[in-house]
Amino acid sequence: MKKPTLFAAWFSAAFLVSSPAVISAQTTAATAPTKDSSYIDAQGTAHVTRIVPIPQTVSPQAQQFLARPVSDANPNTSLAQRRKGTDTWQARAGKEFEQVYPVNVAHSTIAGVPVLVITPLNVPPEKQDRVLINIHGGGFNSDSGRLTETVPIANLTQTKVIAVLYRLAPEHPFPAGLDDIIAVYKEELKTHQPKNMAIYGTSAGAILTGEVAVKLKQLGLPQPAALGIFSGMGDFDRSGDSQSMYALDGLSGYHEPPLGTHDPEYVGSTSPKDPVLSPVYAHLTGLPPTLFITSERDLLLSGTTILHRAFLNAGVDAHLIVFEGLPHAFWNNVSLPEAREADQDMAKFFDRYVGK
């Protein structure tokens, strides 16, 4: 059985908790720590337990979301199970999003790459020439965002969104997925001015967004008007502090501490310090305005803030929003007021920079 990838899809904990093997092995009230503790060993490693109550600083819906019982046992899910579960969850969650944010969704192909085209029910004349390109999350090996990441943004910005269904690892390691996204972007440049375009993504898609920007610079292609890096990172060689503290569901669920190169099946034979694969090692000067969004209990909190600082140090107009108390990619849950707020933040940013 395969270990879950570090950047696994948001759905995983809710999908996997029903497994009998998971339930039988989980930590219980009888075995859980009951007090705070802290010990720093001779190597500087912290051995810590904390009793953390539900934060009163988040919405009642978020408090209920954080209080869900999620097993901390290793689910040992196969890739086939993961993909099936992700697809099932994405279809269901997409319908929930469409009830709140009505749009039209169509399958298509651009430059030989399969895509979804999400079109608002009403596109005003001044936004007819705009297009946003989404790079979905899913740990590089599945699709956990083709609808949840695009439907609200298309509706709120009144702008067409193209979700690139790029090739996945492990069958297609880096740079296959990146090449697909670049191909779609180049094709869209034939009919759209760069100032009318933006590229964005969540989790694996956020990481790919940074990679795309660096690759465009290498190729001498024009940058889009804006980027959105939502819960991502830019360094496959080193782990951020948050990855040692948080699991996919923050303080609950199975936690696999980072060891060695991140996502080796995606990285393949590429050096983890390759400046396209890991943009923190690239020359970032000249990249477009970028919005970074993460959350306090996000396993990629460190990665997002480190990449944000790298953009700032390169002189990029980089903005950062950190939401209180919530886990990785919480905006995939339309029932949370904070998710709707995050989608509004994304939409306002794109409206501010795209088409200007």
Protein backbone atom coordinates (compact mmCIF):
# COMPACT_ATOMS: atom_id res chain seq x y z
CA MET A 1 0.00 0.00 0.00
CA LYS A 2 1.20 3.51 -0.74
CA LYS A 3 1.80 6.11 1.91
CA PRO A 4 -0.34 9.24 1.49
CA THR A 5 1.53 11.99 -0.29
CA LEU A 6 2.54 15.01 1.76
CA PHE A 7 0.23 17.29 -0.22
CA ALA A 8 -2.77 14.95 -0.20
CA ALA A 9 -6.24 16.05 -1.27
CA TRP A 10 -8.46 17.86 1.24
CA PHE A 11 -11.10 15.16 1.09
CA SER A 12 -8.88 12.43 2.46
CA ALA A 13 -9.62 12.50 6.18
CA ALA A 14 -13.39 12.52 5.77
CA PHE A 15 -13.18 9.77 3.15
CA LEU A 16 -10.80 7.52 5.02
CA VAL A 17 -12.17 7.73 8.54
CA SER A 18 -14.83 5.16 7.66
CA SER A 19 -12.20 2.45 7.13
CA PRO A 20 -12.45 -0.25 9.84
CA ALA A 21 -8.66 -0.63 9.91
CA VAL A 22 -8.33 3.08 10.67
CA ILE A 23 -10.94 3.08 13.42
CA SER A 24 -9.43 0.07 15.23
CA ALA A 25 -5.95 1.60 15.43
CA GLN A 26 -6.73 5.22 16.27
CA THR A 27 -5.72 7.04 19.43
CA THR A 28 -8.53 7.06 21.98
CA ALA A 29 -9.43 9.15 25.03
CA ALA A 30 -7.71 6.53 27.16
CA THR A 31 -4.38 6.82 25.30
CA ALA A 32 -4.36 10.52 24.36
CA PRO A 33 -2.02 12.93 26.24
CA THR A 34 -3.73 14.80 29.06
CA LYS A 35 -1.24 17.59 29.76
CA ASP A 36 1.13 19.98 28.03
CA SER A 37 4.77 18.96 27.82
CA SER A 38 7.96 20.12 26.13
CA TYR A 39 11.43 18.59 25.91
CA ILE A 40 14.29 19.63 23.60
CA ASP A 41 16.77 16.82 23.01
CA ALA A 42 20.51 17.06 22.34
CA GLN A 43 19.90 17.42 18.59
CA GLY A 44 17.49 20.29 19.13
CA THR A 45 14.43 18.24 18.26
CA ALA A 46 11.36 19.28 20.21
CA HIS A 47 9.21 16.56 21.81
CA VAL A 48 5.97 18.39 22.50
CA THR A 49 2.38 17.70 23.51
CA ARG A 50 -0.25 20.40 23.71
CA ILE A 51 -3.89 20.39 24.77
CA VAL A 52 -5.52 22.82 22.32
CA PRO A 53 -9.17 23.83 22.79
CA ILE A 54 -11.42 24.84 19.90
CA PRO A 55 -10.58 28.48 19.08
CA GLN A 56 -13.37 30.94 19.82
CA THR A 57 -11.93 33.27 17.16
CA VAL A 58 -13.42 31.32 14.24
CA SER A 59 -17.01 30.92 13.09
CA PRO A 60 -19.38 28.42 14.76
CA GLN A 61 -19.30 26.41 11.54
CA ALA A 62 -15.49 26.34 11.64
CA GLN A 63 -15.55 25.29 15.29
CA GLN A 64 -17.80 22.37 14.40
CA PHE A 65 -15.54 21.51 11.46
CA LEU A 66 -12.45 21.47 13.69
CA ALA A 67 -14.23 19.33 16.30
CA ARG A 68 -14.83 16.40 13.91
CA PRO A 69 -13.28 13.16 15.21
CA VAL A 70 -10.63 12.06 12.71
CA SER A 71 -8.44 9.01 13.25
CA ASP A 72 -4.70 9.47 13.52
CA ALA A 73 -3.96 5.95 12.23
CA ASN A 74 -2.19 5.41 8.92
CA PRO A 75 -4.98 4.77 6.36
CA ASN A 76 -2.64 2.87 3.98
CA THR A 77 -4.68 3.96 0.98
CA SER A 78 -3.73 2.83 -2.52
CA LEU A 79 -3.40 5.38 -5.29
CA ALA A 80 -6.41 3.90 -7.08
CA GLN A 81 -8.52 4.28 -3.93
CA ARG A 82 -7.28 7.82 -3.45
CA ARG A 83 -8.14 8.86 -6.98
CA LYS A 84 -11.57 7.24 -6.84
CA GLY A 85 -12.33 8.89 -3.53
CA THR A 86 -11.06 12.27 -4.68
CA ASP A 87 -13.14 12.15 -7.86
CA THR A 88 -16.26 11.19 -5.91
CA TRP A 89 -15.74 13.96 -3.37
CA GLN A 90 -14.92 16.57 -6.02
CA ALA A 91 -18.09 15.80 -7.98
CA ARG A 92 -20.24 16.06 -4.86
CA ALA A 93 -18.52 19.17 -3.53
CA GLY A 94 -18.66 20.78 -6.98
CA LYS A 95 -22.45 20.50 -6.99
CA GLU A 96 -22.56 22.09 -3.54
CA PHE A 97 -20.45 24.99 -4.78
CA GLU A 98 -22.61 25.42 -7.90
CA GLN A 99 -25.70 25.83 -5.70
CA VAL A 100 -24.02 28.83 -4.07
CA TYR A 101 -22.13 30.06 -7.12
CA PRO A 102 -24.07 29.24 -10.33
CA VAL A 103 -21.90 28.74 -13.44
CA ASN A 104 -21.75 26.69 -16.63
CA VAL A 105 -19.22 23.86 -16.79
CA ALA A 106 -18.00 22.26 -20.01
CA HIS A 107 -15.29 19.77 -20.95
CA SER A 108 -12.87 20.81 -23.67
CA THR A 109 -9.31 20.43 -24.96
CA ILE A 110 -6.71 23.17 -25.38
CA ALA A 111 -3.36 22.49 -27.06
CA GLY A 112 -4.11 18.78 -26.72
CA VAL A 113 -4.59 19.07 -22.96
CA PRO A 114 -7.97 18.23 -21.36
CA VAL A 115 -9.55 21.14 -19.50
CA LEU A 116 -12.76 22.24 -17.86
CA VAL A 117 -14.14 25.59 -18.93
CA ILE A 118 -16.15 27.27 -16.18
CA THR A 119 -18.18 30.22 -17.46
CA PRO A 120 -20.25 32.64 -15.38
CA LEU A 121 -23.94 32.93 -16.24
CA ASN A 122 -23.31 36.59 -16.98
CA VAL A 123 -20.04 38.02 -18.28
CA PRO A 124 -20.14 41.83 -18.60
CA PRO A 125 -18.62 43.37 -21.74
CA GLU A 126 -15.57 44.74 -19.91
CA LYS A 127 -14.67 41.20 -18.78
CA GLN A 128 -15.22 39.34 -22.05
CA ASP A 129 -11.50 39.38 -22.85
CA ARG A 130 -10.36 38.07 -19.47
CA VAL A 131 -9.45 34.48 -18.59
CA LEU A 132 -8.18 32.89 -15.40
CA ILE A 133 -6.20 29.65 -15.50
CA ASN A 134 -6.58 27.28 -12.56
CA ILE A 135 -4.08 24.58 -11.59
CA HIS A 136 -5.89 22.17 -9.30
CA GLY A 137 -4.56 20.60 -6.14
CA GLY A 138 -4.43 16.90 -5.29
CA GLY A 139 -0.89 16.00 -4.28
CA PHE A 140 0.29 15.91 -7.93
CA ASN A 141 -1.31 12.47 -8.25
CA SER A 142 -5.05 13.21 -8.21
CA ASP A 143 -7.53 16.03 -8.86
CA SER A 144 -8.98 17.69 -5.78
CA GLY A 145 -9.90 21.10 -7.17
CA ARG A 146 -11.19 21.20 -10.74
CA LEU A 147 -14.58 22.45 -9.45
CA THR A 148 -14.13 23.62 -5.87
CA GLU A 149 -11.27 25.92 -6.89
CA THR A 150 -12.92 27.29 -10.02
CA VAL A 151 -16.68 27.55 -9.60
CA PRO A 152 -16.64 30.27 -6.91
CA ILE A 153 -13.91 32.29 -8.62
CA ALA A 154 -15.65 32.26 -12.00
CA ASN A 155 -18.90 33.36 -10.39
CA LEU A 156 -17.41 36.06 -8.17
CA THR A 157 -15.12 37.57 -10.82
CA GLN A 158 -17.64 37.14 -13.68
CA THR A 159 -14.68 35.76 -15.63
CA LYS A 160 -14.13 32.54 -17.56
CA VAL A 161 -11.89 30.08 -15.72
CA ILE A 162 -9.98 27.27 -17.41
CA ALA A 163 -9.09 24.33 -15.15
CA VAL A 164 -6.10 22.51 -16.62
CA LEU A 165 -6.39 18.74 -16.14
CA TYR A 166 -2.65 18.21 -16.35
CA ARG A 167 -0.88 14.85 -16.38
CA LEU A 168 -0.36 13.33 -12.94
CA ALA A 169 2.43 11.55 -11.09
CA PRO A 170 3.67 8.93 -10.62
CA GLU A 171 2.92 8.01 -14.23
CA HIS A 172 4.06 11.47 -15.35
CA PRO A 173 6.63 13.07 -13.01
CA PHE A 174 7.94 16.64 -13.26
CA PRO A 175 7.91 18.41 -15.67
CA ALA A 176 5.02 16.70 -17.50
CA GLY A 177 2.22 18.51 -15.67
CA LEU A 178 4.11 21.79 -15.91
CA ASP A 179 4.51 21.32 -19.66
CA ASP A 180 0.74 20.83 -20.02
CA ILE A 181 0.01 24.07 -18.19
CA ILE A 182 2.57 26.00 -20.22
CA ALA A 183 1.01 24.62 -23.43
CA VAL A 184 -2.46 25.82 -22.39
CA TYR A 185 -1.12 29.24 -21.39
CA LYS A 186 0.74 29.67 -24.70
CA GLU A 187 -2.42 28.77 -26.61
CA GLU A 188 -4.47 31.28 -24.63
CA LEU A 189 -1.88 33.97 -25.37
CA LYS A 190 -2.95 33.73 -29.01
CA THR A 191 -6.36 35.18 -28.14
CA HIS A 192 -5.78 37.02 -24.86
CA GLN A 193 -3.41 39.77 -23.81
CA PRO A 194 -1.29 38.86 -20.78
CA LYS A 195 -2.78 41.77 -18.85
CA ASN A 196 -6.15 40.02 -19.11
CA MET A 197 -4.92 36.73 -17.66
CA ALA A 198 -4.12 35.25 -14.24
CA ILE A 199 -2.85 31.88 -13.04
CA TYR A 200 -3.68 30.40 -9.65
CA GLY A 201 -3.93 27.16 -7.71
CA THR A 202 -4.25 25.46 -4.34
CA SER A 203 -1.77 23.05 -2.69
CA ALA A 204 -0.03 21.13 -5.51
CA GLY A 205 -1.63 23.65 -7.87
CA ALA A 206 -0.18 26.51 -5.83
CA ILE A 207 3.26 24.94 -6.08
CA LEU A 208 2.81 24.52 -9.83
CA THR A 209 1.72 28.16 -10.11
CA GLY A 210 5.10 29.28 -8.83
CA GLU A 211 6.83 26.79 -11.12
CA VAL A 212 4.88 28.07 -14.12
CA ALA A 213 5.86 31.68 -13.39
CA VAL A 214 9.56 30.79 -13.22
CA LYS A 215 9.33 28.67 -16.39
CA LEU A 216 7.61 31.48 -18.27
CA LYS A 217 10.46 33.78 -17.28
CA GLN A 218 13.01 31.21 -18.50
CA LEU A 219 11.18 30.89 -21.82
CA GLY A 220 10.94 34.66 -22.29
CA LEU A 221 7.15 34.50 -22.40
CA PRO A 222 5.03 37.32 -20.96
CA GLN A 223 3.81 36.92 -17.42
CA PRO A 224 0.09 37.07 -16.62
CA ALA A 225 -1.30 40.06 -14.77
CA ALA A 226 -1.48 38.20 -11.45
CA LEU A 227 -0.73 34.96 -9.64
CA GLY A 228 -2.57 33.21 -6.82
CA ILE A 229 -0.57 30.84 -4.59
CA PHE A 230 -3.03 29.38 -2.12
CA SER A 231 -1.45 27.05 0.46
CA GLY A 232 1.72 26.17 -1.43
CA MET A 233 5.47 26.17 -1.12
CA GLY A 234 8.56 26.57 -3.26
CA ASP A 235 11.25 24.27 -1.86
CA PHE A 236 11.31 20.51 -2.44
CA ASP A 237 14.67 20.20 -0.68
CA ARG A 238 13.79 21.43 2.83
CA SER A 239 10.76 21.02 5.08
CA GLY A 240 9.08 23.91 6.82
CA ASP A 241 8.28 23.82 10.53
CA SER A 242 4.53 23.50 9.98
CA GLN A 243 4.94 20.17 8.18
CA SER A 244 6.33 18.67 11.39
CA MET A 245 3.39 19.98 13.42
CA TYR A 246 0.29 19.62 11.28
CA ALA A 247 -1.40 16.86 9.35
CA LEU A 248 -3.74 17.37 6.42
CA ASP A 249 -6.53 18.18 8.88
CA GLY A 250 -4.33 20.33 11.06
CA LEU A 251 -4.16 18.97 14.60
CA SER A 252 -6.22 15.88 13.79
CA GLY A 253 -5.77 12.93 11.46
CA TYR A 254 -2.78 10.87 10.40
CA HIS A 255 0.51 12.74 10.42
CA GLU A 256 3.56 11.59 8.49
CA PRO A 257 6.61 13.70 9.40
CA PRO A 258 8.58 14.99 6.38
CA LEU A 259 11.61 12.87 5.56
CA GLY A 260 13.96 13.59 2.68
CA THR A 261 12.80 14.99 -0.65
CA HIS A 262 9.14 15.95 -0.77
CA ASP A 263 6.92 13.96 -3.15
CA PRO A 264 9.71 11.93 -4.82
CA GLU A 265 7.26 10.45 -7.33
CA TYR A 266 6.52 13.96 -8.61
CA VAL A 267 10.13 15.17 -8.41
CA GLY A 268 11.43 12.12 -10.30
CA SER A 269 15.04 12.50 -11.39
CA THR A 270 15.05 16.31 -11.10
CA SER A 271 17.27 17.93 -8.47
CA PRO A 272 15.13 19.20 -5.56
CA LYS A 273 17.01 22.49 -5.87
CA ASP A 274 16.15 22.94 -9.54
CA PRO A 275 14.97 26.58 -9.74
CA VAL A 276 11.84 25.72 -11.71
CA LEU A 277 10.83 22.82 -9.49
CA SER A 278 11.71 24.85 -6.35
CA PRO A 279 11.20 28.56 -7.08
CA VAL A 280 12.88 29.70 -3.84
CA TYR A 281 16.15 28.99 -5.70
CA ALA A 282 15.11 31.01 -8.77
CA HIS A 283 15.53 34.66 -9.68
CA LEU A 284 12.01 35.91 -8.96
CA THR A 285 12.46 39.54 -9.94
CA GLY A 286 9.84 40.68 -12.44
CA LEU A 287 7.07 38.27 -11.47
CA PRO A 288 3.55 39.72 -11.39
CA PRO A 289 1.55 40.75 -8.30
CA THR A 290 0.86 37.63 -6.27
CA LEU A 291 -1.64 36.77 -3.55
CA PHE A 292 -0.60 34.15 -1.01
CA ILE A 293 -3.26 32.58 1.24
CA THR A 294 -2.73 30.03 4.01
CA SER A 295 -4.06 29.26 7.48
CA GLU A 296 -2.73 28.81 10.99
CA ARG A 297 -3.05 25.00 11.08
CA ASP A 298 -2.00 24.45 7.47
CA LEU A 299 0.78 21.91 6.98
CA LEU A 300 2.03 24.27 4.25
CA LEU A 301 1.88 27.41 6.41
CA SER A 302 5.68 27.54 6.52
CA GLY A 303 6.08 26.83 2.83
CA THR A 304 3.60 29.54 1.87
CA THR A 305 5.13 32.21 4.07
CA ILE A 306 8.70 31.32 3.08
CA LEU A 307 7.84 31.62 -0.62
CA HIS A 308 5.97 34.87 0.08
CA ARG A 309 9.13 36.29 1.68
CA ALA A 310 11.20 35.17 -1.31
CA PHE A 311 8.81 37.07 -3.59
CA LEU A 312 9.01 40.15 -1.37
CA ASN A 313 12.81 40.01 -1.28
CA ALA A 314 12.79 39.91 -5.10
CA GLY A 315 10.72 43.10 -5.20
CA VAL A 316 7.46 41.40 -6.23
CA ASP A 317 4.17 43.00 -5.20
CA ALA A 318 3.30 40.08 -2.91
CA HIS A 319 0.34 39.95 -0.51
CA LEU A 320 -0.23 37.44 2.30
CA ILE A 321 -3.43 36.43 4.12
CA VAL A 322 -3.31 33.92 7.01
CA PHE A 323 -6.62 32.62 8.37
CA GLU A 324 -6.95 31.76 12.05
CA GLY A 325 -7.17 28.19 13.33
CA LEU A 326 -8.08 26.38 10.09
CA PRO A 327 -6.30 23.52 8.27
CA HIS A 328 -4.96 23.04 4.78
CA ALA A 329 -7.11 24.35 1.89
CA PHE A 330 -10.18 24.90 4.08
CA TRP A 331 -11.80 26.93 1.26
CA ASN A 332 -12.75 23.61 -0.32
CA ASN A 333 -15.59 23.47 2.23
CA VAL A 334 -18.32 25.82 1.03
CA SER A 335 -20.21 25.56 4.33
CA LEU A 336 -17.55 27.59 6.15
CA PRO A 337 -17.96 31.39 6.26
CA GLU A 338 -14.17 31.61 6.18
CA ALA A 339 -14.14 29.67 2.90
CA ARG A 340 -16.49 32.19 1.33
CA GLU A 341 -14.34 34.98 2.71
CA ALA A 342 -11.22 33.42 1.20
CA ASP A 343 -12.93 33.06 -2.19
CA GLN A 344 -13.95 36.73 -1.97
CA ASP A 345 -10.33 37.67 -1.21
CA MET A 346 -9.14 35.73 -4.24
CA ALA A 347 -11.77 37.25 -6.51
CA LYS A 348 -11.11 40.82 -5.32
CA PHE A 349 -7.40 40.38 -5.95
CA PHE A 350 -7.92 39.18 -9.51
CA ASP A 351 -10.41 41.98 -10.19
CA ARG A 352 -7.86 44.46 -8.88
CA TYR A 353 -5.07 43.41 -11.25
CA VAL A 354 -6.50 41.57 -14.26
CA GLY A 355 -7.55 43.70 -17.21
CA LYS A 356 -5.97 46.89 -15.90
